[in-house]
Amino acid sequence: MKRAVIFLVILTVLLAAVAAAVHITKPDRYARWLYPLDHPDLITRSAGQNRLDPALVAAIIFEESGFEDGIRSDAGAVGLMQLMPSTAVWIAGKTGGEDFMVADLGEPSINIAYGCWYLRYLIDRYGSSDLALAAYNGGTENTDQWIADVRSEGRDFNSDLDVPWRETREYISRVDKTRDIYQRAYKAELGI
């Protein structure tokens, strides 16, 4: 009886160690299960048109909506890339989308196209993907203020230290980690 208990304890510890190792290393099959990918053709097309890493776009979609089409946040953000309607109307004006209606944001092709255009705009505006992600999550006005505060101190911006909102710091970190997973697990689908 005592040997059976010892065996069960050892077996439990070994299974827990294997499960932990799988979770930490995230082999491709496990990563694909935890991190789904829908609409790879739309992602690669819009990412390519906007000179973006498709894995970054997939990571943002995963973190924003979990690839749930037509989702709406409590704040009013819509669709896969969780765009605010006012931002989408602004994008439509910049990109010649005169027929755009806010209801179109539920359509994956439009949501991804507009989200990619906006992400490229933010990267060009801020010069880095981390600052673009800060603005994507925390807003451009807040990001502009954070940068101004840091520059007034005569130093370079560090998103780990200078983004005052924990939610936005964690968002940047999660997207960066998720991007790495999508780059590894979906090379063929994302054309990487």
N, C-alpha and C. Protein backbone atom coordinates (compact mmCIF):
# COMPACT_ATOMS: atom_id res chain seq x y z
N MET A 1 0.83 -1.20 0.00
CA MET A 1 0.00 0.00 0.00
C MET A 1 0.87 1.25 0.00
N LYS A 2 1.92 1.26 0.83
CA LYS A 2 2.80 2.41 0.92
C LYS A 2 3.52 2.65 -0.41
N ARG A 3 3.93 1.55 -1.09
CA ARG A 3 4.59 1.67 -2.39
C ARG A 3 3.65 2.27 -3.44
N ALA A 4 2.39 1.90 -3.38
CA ALA A 4 1.41 2.41 -4.34
C ALA A 4 1.25 3.92 -4.17
N VAL A 5 1.23 4.39 -2.93
CA VAL A 5 1.11 5.82 -2.66
C VAL A 5 2.35 6.55 -3.15
N ILE A 6 3.51 6.01 -2.89
CA ILE A 6 4.77 6.62 -3.35
C ILE A 6 4.78 6.66 -4.88
N PHE A 7 4.36 5.58 -5.52
CA PHE A 7 4.32 5.54 -6.97
C PHE A 7 3.38 6.61 -7.52
N LEU A 8 2.20 6.77 -6.93
CA LEU A 8 1.24 7.78 -7.37
C LEU A 8 1.79 9.20 -7.19
N VAL A 9 2.49 9.42 -6.10
CA VAL A 9 3.08 10.74 -5.86
C VAL A 9 4.15 11.02 -6.92
N ILE A 10 5.00 10.06 -7.19
CA ILE A 10 6.06 10.23 -8.19
C ILE A 10 5.44 10.44 -9.58
N LEU A 11 4.43 9.65 -9.90
CA LEU A 11 3.76 9.78 -11.19
C LEU A 11 3.10 11.16 -11.33
N THR A 12 2.48 11.63 -10.28
CA THR A 12 1.84 12.95 -10.30
C THR A 12 2.87 14.05 -10.50
N VAL A 13 3.99 13.97 -9.80
CA VAL A 13 5.06 14.97 -9.95
C VAL A 13 5.62 14.94 -11.37
N LEU A 14 5.85 13.74 -11.92
CA LEU A 14 6.36 13.63 -13.29
C LEU A 14 5.38 14.20 -14.31
N LEU A 15 4.11 13.89 -14.17
CA LEU A 15 3.10 14.42 -15.09
C LEU A 15 3.01 15.94 -15.00
N ALA A 16 3.09 16.46 -13.79
CA ALA A 16 3.07 17.91 -13.61
C ALA A 16 4.29 18.56 -14.26
N ALA A 17 5.45 17.93 -14.14
CA ALA A 17 6.67 18.47 -14.75
C ALA A 17 6.57 18.44 -16.27
N VAL A 18 6.03 17.36 -16.82
CA VAL A 18 5.86 17.28 -18.28
C VAL A 18 4.87 18.33 -18.75
N ALA A 19 3.75 18.48 -18.05
CA ALA A 19 2.76 19.49 -18.41
C ALA A 19 3.35 20.89 -18.35
N ALA A 20 4.14 21.16 -17.32
CA ALA A 20 4.78 22.47 -17.20
C ALA A 20 5.76 22.71 -18.33
N ALA A 21 6.54 21.70 -18.68
CA ALA A 21 7.51 21.84 -19.77
C ALA A 21 6.80 22.09 -21.10
N VAL A 22 5.71 21.40 -21.34
CA VAL A 22 4.95 21.61 -22.58
C VAL A 22 4.37 23.02 -22.61
N HIS A 23 3.84 23.46 -21.49
CA HIS A 23 3.25 24.80 -21.45
C HIS A 23 4.32 25.88 -21.65
N ILE A 24 5.48 25.71 -21.09
CA ILE A 24 6.55 26.71 -21.20
C ILE A 24 7.12 26.74 -22.62
N THR A 25 7.38 25.57 -23.20
CA THR A 25 8.01 25.52 -24.52
C THR A 25 7.01 25.69 -25.66
N LYS A 26 5.77 25.41 -25.41
CA LYS A 26 4.70 25.53 -26.39
C LYS A 26 5.06 24.93 -27.75
N PRO A 27 5.20 23.61 -27.82
CA PRO A 27 5.45 22.99 -29.12
C PRO A 27 4.34 23.38 -30.10
N ASP A 28 4.64 23.31 -31.39
CA ASP A 28 3.71 23.82 -32.41
C ASP A 28 2.28 23.29 -32.26
N ARG A 29 2.12 22.00 -32.07
CA ARG A 29 0.77 21.44 -31.96
C ARG A 29 0.03 22.03 -30.75
N TYR A 30 0.72 22.16 -29.65
CA TYR A 30 0.13 22.76 -28.45
C TYR A 30 -0.15 24.24 -28.69
N ALA A 31 0.80 24.95 -29.32
CA ALA A 31 0.63 26.38 -29.60
C ALA A 31 -0.58 26.59 -30.52
N ARG A 32 -0.75 25.74 -31.51
CA ARG A 32 -1.89 25.87 -32.41
C ARG A 32 -3.21 25.65 -31.69
N TRP A 33 -3.20 24.80 -30.70
CA TRP A 33 -4.41 24.56 -29.92
C TRP A 33 -4.73 25.79 -29.05
N LEU A 34 -3.71 26.36 -28.42
CA LEU A 34 -3.92 27.52 -27.54
C LEU A 34 -4.11 28.82 -28.31
N TYR A 35 -3.46 28.92 -29.47
CA TYR A 35 -3.46 30.15 -30.25
C TYR A 35 -4.00 29.85 -31.65
N PRO A 36 -5.31 29.92 -31.81
CA PRO A 36 -5.90 29.61 -33.11
C PRO A 36 -5.56 30.68 -34.16
N LEU A 37 -5.78 30.34 -35.41
CA LEU A 37 -5.57 31.27 -36.51
C LEU A 37 -6.72 31.14 -37.47
N ASP A 38 -7.48 32.19 -37.63
CA ASP A 38 -8.53 32.26 -38.63
C ASP A 38 -8.16 33.37 -39.62
N HIS A 39 -8.70 33.29 -40.81
CA HIS A 39 -8.51 34.30 -41.85
C HIS A 39 -7.04 34.54 -42.22
N PRO A 40 -6.22 33.50 -42.34
CA PRO A 40 -4.82 33.75 -42.67
C PRO A 40 -4.62 34.47 -44.00
N ASP A 41 -5.51 34.21 -44.97
CA ASP A 41 -5.39 34.88 -46.26
C ASP A 41 -5.63 36.38 -46.13
N LEU A 42 -6.62 36.77 -45.34
CA LEU A 42 -6.90 38.20 -45.12
C LEU A 42 -5.75 38.86 -44.35
N ILE A 43 -5.22 38.14 -43.38
CA ILE A 43 -4.12 38.68 -42.58
C ILE A 43 -2.88 38.89 -43.44
N THR A 44 -2.51 37.87 -44.22
CA THR A 44 -1.29 38.01 -45.02
C THR A 44 -1.46 39.08 -46.09
N ARG A 45 -2.63 39.17 -46.69
CA ARG A 45 -2.85 40.19 -47.72
C ARG A 45 -2.76 41.60 -47.13
N SER A 46 -3.50 41.86 -46.05
CA SER A 46 -3.50 43.20 -45.46
C SER A 46 -2.16 43.53 -44.82
N ALA A 47 -1.52 42.54 -44.21
CA ALA A 47 -0.19 42.78 -43.63
C ALA A 47 0.80 43.13 -44.74
N GLY A 48 0.76 42.40 -45.84
CA GLY A 48 1.66 42.67 -46.95
C GLY A 48 1.43 44.05 -47.55
N GLN A 49 0.18 44.44 -47.71
CA GLN A 49 -0.14 45.75 -48.28
C GLN A 49 0.35 46.89 -47.39
N ASN A 50 0.50 46.60 -46.10
CA ASN A 50 0.90 47.64 -45.15
C ASN A 50 2.29 47.42 -44.57
N ARG A 51 3.07 46.54 -45.20
CA ARG A 51 4.44 46.27 -44.78
C ARG A 51 4.52 45.89 -43.30
N LEU A 52 3.67 44.95 -42.90
CA LEU A 52 3.61 44.48 -41.52
C LEU A 52 3.95 43.00 -41.46
N ASP A 53 4.45 42.58 -40.33
CA ASP A 53 4.67 41.16 -40.06
C ASP A 53 3.29 40.53 -39.83
N PRO A 54 2.89 39.54 -40.64
CA PRO A 54 1.58 38.93 -40.44
C PRO A 54 1.43 38.28 -39.06
N ALA A 55 2.53 37.83 -38.48
CA ALA A 55 2.47 37.25 -37.13
C ALA A 55 2.10 38.32 -36.10
N LEU A 56 2.56 39.54 -36.31
CA LEU A 56 2.19 40.65 -35.42
C LEU A 56 0.70 40.92 -35.53
N VAL A 57 0.18 40.93 -36.75
CA VAL A 57 -1.25 41.16 -36.95
C VAL A 57 -2.06 40.04 -36.29
N ALA A 58 -1.64 38.79 -36.50
CA ALA A 58 -2.34 37.66 -35.88
C ALA A 58 -2.30 37.77 -34.36
N ALA A 59 -1.16 38.19 -33.82
CA ALA A 59 -1.03 38.33 -32.36
C ALA A 59 -1.98 39.41 -31.83
N ILE A 60 -2.07 40.52 -32.54
CA ILE A 60 -2.99 41.58 -32.11
C ILE A 60 -4.43 41.08 -32.17
N ILE A 61 -4.78 40.39 -33.24
CA ILE A 61 -6.15 39.86 -33.33
C ILE A 61 -6.42 38.89 -32.18
N PHE A 62 -5.46 38.01 -31.90
CA PHE A 62 -5.66 37.07 -30.80
C PHE A 62 -5.85 37.80 -29.48
N GLU A 63 -4.99 38.78 -29.21
CA GLU A 63 -5.07 39.50 -27.93
C GLU A 63 -6.31 40.40 -27.86
N GLU A 64 -6.72 40.95 -28.98
CA GLU A 64 -7.87 41.86 -28.98
C GLU A 64 -9.21 41.13 -28.93
N SER A 65 -9.33 40.06 -29.73
CA SER A 65 -10.66 39.45 -29.89
C SER A 65 -10.67 37.93 -29.77
N GLY A 66 -9.49 37.30 -29.68
CA GLY A 66 -9.45 35.85 -29.68
C GLY A 66 -10.00 35.26 -30.97
N PHE A 67 -9.91 36.03 -32.07
CA PHE A 67 -10.40 35.65 -33.39
C PHE A 67 -11.91 35.44 -33.41
N GLU A 68 -12.62 36.19 -32.58
CA GLU A 68 -14.08 36.13 -32.56
C GLU A 68 -14.63 37.25 -33.45
N ASP A 69 -15.16 36.87 -34.60
CA ASP A 69 -15.71 37.84 -35.55
C ASP A 69 -16.85 38.64 -34.91
N GLY A 70 -16.91 39.91 -35.24
CA GLY A 70 -18.05 40.74 -34.84
C GLY A 70 -18.13 41.07 -33.36
N ILE A 71 -17.12 40.74 -32.60
CA ILE A 71 -17.15 41.01 -31.16
C ILE A 71 -17.13 42.53 -30.91
N ARG A 72 -17.75 42.96 -29.83
CA ARG A 72 -17.79 44.38 -29.46
C ARG A 72 -17.39 44.48 -27.99
N SER A 73 -16.46 45.41 -27.70
CA SER A 73 -16.01 45.59 -26.32
C SER A 73 -16.98 46.51 -25.57
N ASP A 74 -16.84 46.54 -24.26
CA ASP A 74 -17.65 47.44 -23.44
C ASP A 74 -17.38 48.90 -23.80
N ALA A 75 -16.16 49.19 -24.26
CA ALA A 75 -15.80 50.56 -24.65
C ALA A 75 -16.32 50.92 -26.04
N GLY A 76 -16.82 49.92 -26.78
CA GLY A 76 -17.37 50.18 -28.10
C GLY A 76 -16.49 49.77 -29.27
N ALA A 77 -15.31 49.21 -28.98
CA ALA A 77 -14.43 48.74 -30.05
C ALA A 77 -15.07 47.52 -30.72
N VAL A 78 -14.86 47.40 -32.04
CA VAL A 78 -15.60 46.42 -32.83
C VAL A 78 -14.66 45.52 -33.62
N GLY A 79 -15.02 44.25 -33.70
CA GLY A 79 -14.40 43.32 -34.62
C GLY A 79 -13.11 42.69 -34.16
N LEU A 80 -12.51 41.95 -35.09
CA LEU A 80 -11.31 41.17 -34.81
C LEU A 80 -10.18 42.01 -34.23
N MET A 81 -9.95 43.20 -34.80
CA MET A 81 -8.84 44.04 -34.34
C MET A 81 -9.31 45.12 -33.38
N GLN A 82 -10.58 45.05 -32.97
CA GLN A 82 -11.15 45.93 -31.96
C GLN A 82 -10.89 47.41 -32.26
N LEU A 83 -11.42 47.85 -33.37
CA LEU A 83 -11.30 49.25 -33.77
C LEU A 83 -12.47 50.06 -33.22
N MET A 84 -12.17 51.24 -32.76
CA MET A 84 -13.23 52.15 -32.34
C MET A 84 -13.91 52.68 -33.60
N PRO A 85 -15.23 52.81 -33.60
CA PRO A 85 -15.92 53.33 -34.78
C PRO A 85 -15.38 54.68 -35.25
N SER A 86 -15.07 55.57 -34.33
CA SER A 86 -14.54 56.88 -34.74
C SER A 86 -13.19 56.74 -35.44
N THR A 87 -12.37 55.82 -34.99
CA THR A 87 -11.08 55.57 -35.65
C THR A 87 -11.32 55.00 -37.05
N ALA A 88 -12.26 54.08 -37.17
CA ALA A 88 -12.55 53.48 -38.47
C ALA A 88 -13.09 54.51 -39.45
N VAL A 89 -13.93 55.43 -38.99
CA VAL A 89 -14.44 56.49 -39.86
C VAL A 89 -13.27 57.37 -40.33
N TRP A 90 -12.34 57.67 -39.42
CA TRP A 90 -11.16 58.45 -39.78
C TRP A 90 -10.31 57.71 -40.82
N ILE A 91 -10.11 56.40 -40.61
CA ILE A 91 -9.36 55.58 -41.55
C ILE A 91 -10.05 55.58 -42.92
N ALA A 92 -11.36 55.42 -42.92
CA ALA A 92 -12.11 55.42 -44.18
C ALA A 92 -11.88 56.72 -44.94
N GLY A 93 -11.87 57.83 -44.23
CA GLY A 93 -11.60 59.12 -44.87
C GLY A 93 -10.20 59.21 -45.44
N LYS A 94 -9.24 58.60 -44.78
CA LYS A 94 -7.85 58.63 -45.23
C LYS A 94 -7.58 57.66 -46.39
N THR A 95 -8.39 56.61 -46.49
CA THR A 95 -8.12 55.56 -47.47
C THR A 95 -9.12 55.52 -48.62
N GLY A 96 -9.99 56.52 -48.70
CA GLY A 96 -10.96 56.56 -49.79
C GLY A 96 -12.14 55.63 -49.61
N GLY A 97 -12.45 55.27 -48.39
CA GLY A 97 -13.58 54.39 -48.12
C GLY A 97 -14.87 55.17 -47.93
N GLU A 98 -15.26 55.93 -48.94
CA GLU A 98 -16.43 56.80 -48.81
C GLU A 98 -17.74 56.03 -48.62
N ASP A 99 -17.76 54.75 -48.98
CA ASP A 99 -18.96 53.94 -48.79
C ASP A 99 -18.97 53.23 -47.43
N PHE A 100 -17.94 53.46 -46.62
CA PHE A 100 -17.81 52.76 -45.34
C PHE A 100 -18.95 53.12 -44.39
N MET A 101 -19.45 52.10 -43.71
CA MET A 101 -20.42 52.29 -42.63
C MET A 101 -19.88 51.53 -41.42
N VAL A 102 -20.14 52.04 -40.24
CA VAL A 102 -19.61 51.44 -39.01
C VAL A 102 -19.98 49.96 -38.92
N ALA A 103 -21.14 49.59 -39.40
CA ALA A 103 -21.56 48.18 -39.38
C ALA A 103 -20.58 47.29 -40.15
N ASP A 104 -19.83 47.88 -41.10
CA ASP A 104 -18.86 47.12 -41.88
C ASP A 104 -17.71 46.59 -41.03
N LEU A 105 -17.51 47.15 -39.84
CA LEU A 105 -16.40 46.70 -38.99
C LEU A 105 -16.56 45.25 -38.54
N GLY A 106 -17.77 44.73 -38.58
CA GLY A 106 -17.99 43.33 -38.24
C GLY A 106 -17.52 42.38 -39.33
N GLU A 107 -17.26 42.90 -40.51
CA GLU A 107 -16.78 42.10 -41.64
C GLU A 107 -15.27 41.91 -41.49
N PRO A 108 -14.78 40.66 -41.36
CA PRO A 108 -13.35 40.44 -41.15
C PRO A 108 -12.44 41.12 -42.17
N SER A 109 -12.80 41.10 -43.45
CA SER A 109 -11.90 41.69 -44.45
C SER A 109 -11.73 43.19 -44.23
N ILE A 110 -12.79 43.88 -43.88
CA ILE A 110 -12.70 45.33 -43.64
C ILE A 110 -12.00 45.60 -42.32
N ASN A 111 -12.35 44.85 -41.29
CA ASN A 111 -11.75 45.07 -39.98
C ASN A 111 -10.25 44.86 -40.03
N ILE A 112 -9.81 43.78 -40.66
CA ILE A 112 -8.38 43.49 -40.75
C ILE A 112 -7.68 44.53 -41.62
N ALA A 113 -8.28 44.89 -42.75
CA ALA A 113 -7.68 45.90 -43.62
C ALA A 113 -7.51 47.23 -42.89
N TYR A 114 -8.54 47.67 -42.20
CA TYR A 114 -8.47 48.94 -41.48
C TYR A 114 -7.51 48.84 -40.29
N GLY A 115 -7.56 47.71 -39.59
CA GLY A 115 -6.65 47.52 -38.45
C GLY A 115 -5.19 47.53 -38.89
N CYS A 116 -4.90 46.89 -40.01
CA CYS A 116 -3.52 46.88 -40.53
C CYS A 116 -3.10 48.28 -40.98
N TRP A 117 -4.00 48.99 -41.65
CA TRP A 117 -3.67 50.35 -42.08
C TRP A 117 -3.35 51.21 -40.86
N TYR A 118 -4.18 51.07 -39.83
CA TYR A 118 -3.99 51.87 -38.62
C TYR A 118 -2.69 51.50 -37.90
N LEU A 119 -2.39 50.22 -37.84
CA LEU A 119 -1.14 49.78 -37.20
C LEU A 119 0.06 50.34 -37.95
N ARG A 120 0.05 50.30 -39.29
CA ARG A 120 1.15 50.88 -40.07
C ARG A 120 1.25 52.39 -39.79
N TYR A 121 0.11 53.07 -39.73
CA TYR A 121 0.10 54.49 -39.41
C TYR A 121 0.78 54.74 -38.06
N LEU A 122 0.45 53.94 -37.05
CA LEU A 122 1.03 54.11 -35.72
C LEU A 122 2.53 53.81 -35.71
N ILE A 123 2.94 52.76 -36.41
CA ILE A 123 4.37 52.44 -36.48
C ILE A 123 5.13 53.58 -37.15
N ASP A 124 4.58 54.11 -38.24
CA ASP A 124 5.23 55.23 -38.93
C ASP A 124 5.25 56.48 -38.04
N ARG A 125 4.20 56.71 -37.32
CA ARG A 125 4.10 57.89 -36.45
C ARG A 125 5.10 57.82 -35.30
N TYR A 126 5.21 56.64 -34.67
CA TYR A 126 6.02 56.51 -33.46
C TYR A 126 7.40 55.91 -33.70
N GLY A 127 7.60 55.27 -34.82
CA GLY A 127 8.92 54.74 -35.14
C GLY A 127 9.28 53.42 -34.51
N SER A 128 8.35 52.80 -33.79
CA SER A 128 8.63 51.48 -33.20
C SER A 128 7.31 50.74 -32.99
N SER A 129 7.42 49.41 -33.02
CA SER A 129 6.20 48.62 -32.82
C SER A 129 5.73 48.69 -31.38
N ASP A 130 6.65 48.79 -30.41
CA ASP A 130 6.21 48.89 -29.00
C ASP A 130 5.41 50.17 -28.75
N LEU A 131 5.87 51.30 -29.28
CA LEU A 131 5.12 52.54 -29.11
C LEU A 131 3.81 52.48 -29.89
N ALA A 132 3.83 51.86 -31.06
CA ALA A 132 2.60 51.69 -31.83
C ALA A 132 1.61 50.84 -31.03
N LEU A 133 2.08 49.78 -30.39
CA LEU A 133 1.20 48.94 -29.58
C LEU A 133 0.68 49.71 -28.36
N ALA A 134 1.52 50.55 -27.78
CA ALA A 134 1.07 51.39 -26.66
C ALA A 134 -0.07 52.29 -27.12
N ALA A 135 0.07 52.88 -28.30
CA ALA A 135 -0.97 53.76 -28.83
C ALA A 135 -2.21 52.96 -29.23
N TYR A 136 -2.00 51.77 -29.79
CA TYR A 136 -3.13 50.94 -30.19
C TYR A 136 -3.98 50.59 -28.98
N ASN A 137 -3.34 50.32 -27.87
CA ASN A 137 -4.05 49.93 -26.65
C ASN A 137 -4.45 51.13 -25.79
N GLY A 138 -3.54 52.08 -25.61
CA GLY A 138 -3.78 53.17 -24.68
C GLY A 138 -4.21 54.48 -25.31
N GLY A 139 -4.20 54.54 -26.63
CA GLY A 139 -4.61 55.74 -27.34
C GLY A 139 -3.43 56.63 -27.69
N THR A 140 -3.58 57.36 -28.79
CA THR A 140 -2.49 58.22 -29.26
C THR A 140 -2.25 59.41 -28.33
N GLU A 141 -3.31 59.99 -27.80
CA GLU A 141 -3.12 61.15 -26.91
C GLU A 141 -2.33 60.76 -25.68
N ASN A 142 -2.65 59.63 -25.09
CA ASN A 142 -1.91 59.18 -23.91
C ASN A 142 -0.46 58.87 -24.26
N THR A 143 -0.26 58.18 -25.38
CA THR A 143 1.10 57.83 -25.79
C THR A 143 1.92 59.08 -26.07
N ASP A 144 1.32 60.06 -26.73
CA ASP A 144 2.01 61.33 -26.97
C ASP A 144 2.43 61.98 -25.65
N GLN A 145 1.56 61.93 -24.67
CA GLN A 145 1.87 62.53 -23.36
C GLN A 145 2.99 61.77 -22.66
N TRP A 146 2.96 60.43 -22.73
CA TRP A 146 4.01 59.63 -22.09
C TRP A 146 5.36 59.93 -22.72
N ILE A 147 5.39 60.05 -24.03
CA ILE A 147 6.64 60.36 -24.74
C ILE A 147 7.12 61.76 -24.34
N ALA A 148 6.22 62.71 -24.31
CA ALA A 148 6.58 64.09 -23.95
C ALA A 148 7.14 64.14 -22.53
N ASP A 149 6.54 63.40 -21.62
CA ASP A 149 7.02 63.37 -20.23
C ASP A 149 8.45 62.84 -20.16
N VAL A 150 8.72 61.78 -20.89
CA VAL A 150 10.05 61.17 -20.89
C VAL A 150 11.07 62.10 -21.54
N ARG A 151 10.69 62.69 -22.66
CA ARG A 151 11.61 63.59 -23.37
C ARG A 151 11.91 64.83 -22.53
N SER A 152 10.95 65.28 -21.74
CA SER A 152 11.20 66.45 -20.89
C SER A 152 12.26 66.15 -19.82
N GLU A 153 12.45 64.86 -19.55
CA GLU A 153 13.49 64.44 -18.62
C GLU A 153 14.80 64.15 -19.35
N GLY A 154 14.80 64.33 -20.67
CA GLY A 154 16.02 64.16 -21.45
C GLY A 154 16.46 62.73 -21.65
N ARG A 155 15.52 61.81 -21.72
CA ARG A 155 15.90 60.41 -21.92
C ARG A 155 15.02 59.75 -22.96
N ASP A 156 15.44 58.56 -23.40
CA ASP A 156 14.70 57.79 -24.39
C ASP A 156 13.56 57.03 -23.73
N PHE A 157 12.51 56.80 -24.49
CA PHE A 157 11.33 56.10 -24.01
C PHE A 157 11.60 54.61 -23.89
N ASN A 158 11.20 54.01 -22.79
CA ASN A 158 11.30 52.57 -22.56
C ASN A 158 9.92 52.10 -22.14
N SER A 159 9.28 51.30 -22.99
CA SER A 159 7.89 50.92 -22.72
C SER A 159 7.74 50.13 -21.42
N ASP A 160 8.77 49.40 -21.02
CA ASP A 160 8.69 48.64 -19.77
C ASP A 160 8.66 49.57 -18.55
N LEU A 161 9.29 50.73 -18.68
CA LEU A 161 9.39 51.66 -17.55
C LEU A 161 8.48 52.87 -17.66
N ASP A 162 8.23 53.32 -18.89
CA ASP A 162 7.61 54.63 -19.07
C ASP A 162 6.14 54.61 -19.45
N VAL A 163 5.56 53.44 -19.66
CA VAL A 163 4.11 53.36 -19.85
C VAL A 163 3.51 53.23 -18.46
N PRO A 164 2.78 54.26 -18.00
CA PRO A 164 2.30 54.22 -16.62
C PRO A 164 1.14 53.25 -16.38
N TRP A 165 0.45 52.85 -17.42
CA TRP A 165 -0.69 51.94 -17.24
C TRP A 165 -0.22 50.49 -17.33
N ARG A 166 -0.45 49.77 -16.27
CA ARG A 166 -0.06 48.36 -16.23
C ARG A 166 -0.74 47.56 -17.35
N GLU A 167 -2.00 47.83 -17.62
CA GLU A 167 -2.73 47.12 -18.67
C GLU A 167 -2.02 47.27 -20.02
N THR A 168 -1.57 48.48 -20.32
CA THR A 168 -0.91 48.72 -21.61
C THR A 168 0.47 48.08 -21.64
N ARG A 169 1.22 48.16 -20.54
CA ARG A 169 2.52 47.49 -20.48
C ARG A 169 2.36 45.99 -20.70
N GLU A 170 1.38 45.40 -20.04
CA GLU A 170 1.14 43.96 -20.17
C GLU A 170 0.65 43.61 -21.58
N TYR A 171 -0.13 44.50 -22.18
CA TYR A 171 -0.60 44.29 -23.55
C TYR A 171 0.58 44.21 -24.51
N ILE A 172 1.50 45.15 -24.40
CA ILE A 172 2.69 45.15 -25.27
C ILE A 172 3.46 43.85 -25.09
N SER A 173 3.67 43.44 -23.87
CA SER A 173 4.41 42.21 -23.58
C SER A 173 3.69 40.99 -24.14
N ARG A 174 2.38 40.91 -23.93
CA ARG A 174 1.61 39.76 -24.43
C ARG A 174 1.64 39.69 -25.95
N VAL A 175 1.46 40.84 -26.61
CA VAL A 175 1.48 40.83 -28.08
C VAL A 175 2.85 40.39 -28.58
N ASP A 176 3.92 40.88 -27.96
CA ASP A 176 5.26 40.48 -28.38
C ASP A 176 5.47 38.97 -28.23
N LYS A 177 5.03 38.40 -27.12
CA LYS A 177 5.17 36.96 -26.90
C LYS A 177 4.29 36.16 -27.84
N THR A 178 3.07 36.64 -28.04
CA THR A 178 2.14 35.94 -28.92
C THR A 178 2.63 36.01 -30.36
N ARG A 179 3.23 37.12 -30.75
CA ARG A 179 3.81 37.26 -32.09
C ARG A 179 4.86 36.17 -32.33
N ASP A 180 5.72 35.96 -31.35
CA ASP A 180 6.74 34.91 -31.48
C ASP A 180 6.11 33.54 -31.68
N ILE A 181 5.03 33.28 -30.98
CA ILE A 181 4.34 31.98 -31.10
C ILE A 181 3.74 31.84 -32.50
N TYR A 182 3.07 32.88 -32.99
CA TYR A 182 2.48 32.82 -34.34
C TYR A 182 3.56 32.69 -35.40
N GLN A 183 4.70 33.36 -35.22
CA GLN A 183 5.80 33.23 -36.19
C GLN A 183 6.28 31.79 -36.28
N ARG A 184 6.34 31.11 -35.14
CA ARG A 184 6.85 29.74 -35.12
C ARG A 184 5.80 28.73 -35.54
N ALA A 185 4.58 28.87 -35.03
CA ALA A 185 3.57 27.83 -35.21
C ALA A 185 2.84 27.91 -36.55
N TYR A 186 2.85 29.08 -37.19
CA TYR A 186 2.06 29.24 -38.42
C TYR A 186 2.89 29.80 -39.56
N LYS A 187 4.12 29.33 -39.68
CA LYS A 187 5.01 29.83 -40.75
C LYS A 187 4.37 29.70 -42.13
N ALA A 188 3.89 28.53 -42.45
CA ALA A 188 3.34 28.30 -43.79
C ALA A 188 2.08 29.13 -44.02
N GLU A 189 1.17 29.11 -43.07
CA GLU A 189 -0.10 29.82 -43.23
C GLU A 189 0.09 31.33 -43.36
N LEU A 190 1.09 31.87 -42.68
CA LEU A 190 1.32 33.31 -42.68
C LEU A 190 2.40 33.73 -43.69
N GLY A 191 2.93 32.76 -44.40
CA GLY A 191 3.93 33.07 -45.42
C GLY A 191 5.23 33.63 -44.86
N ILE A 192 5.60 33.14 -43.72
CA ILE A 192 6.82 33.63 -43.05
C ILE A 192 8.01 32.78 -43.45
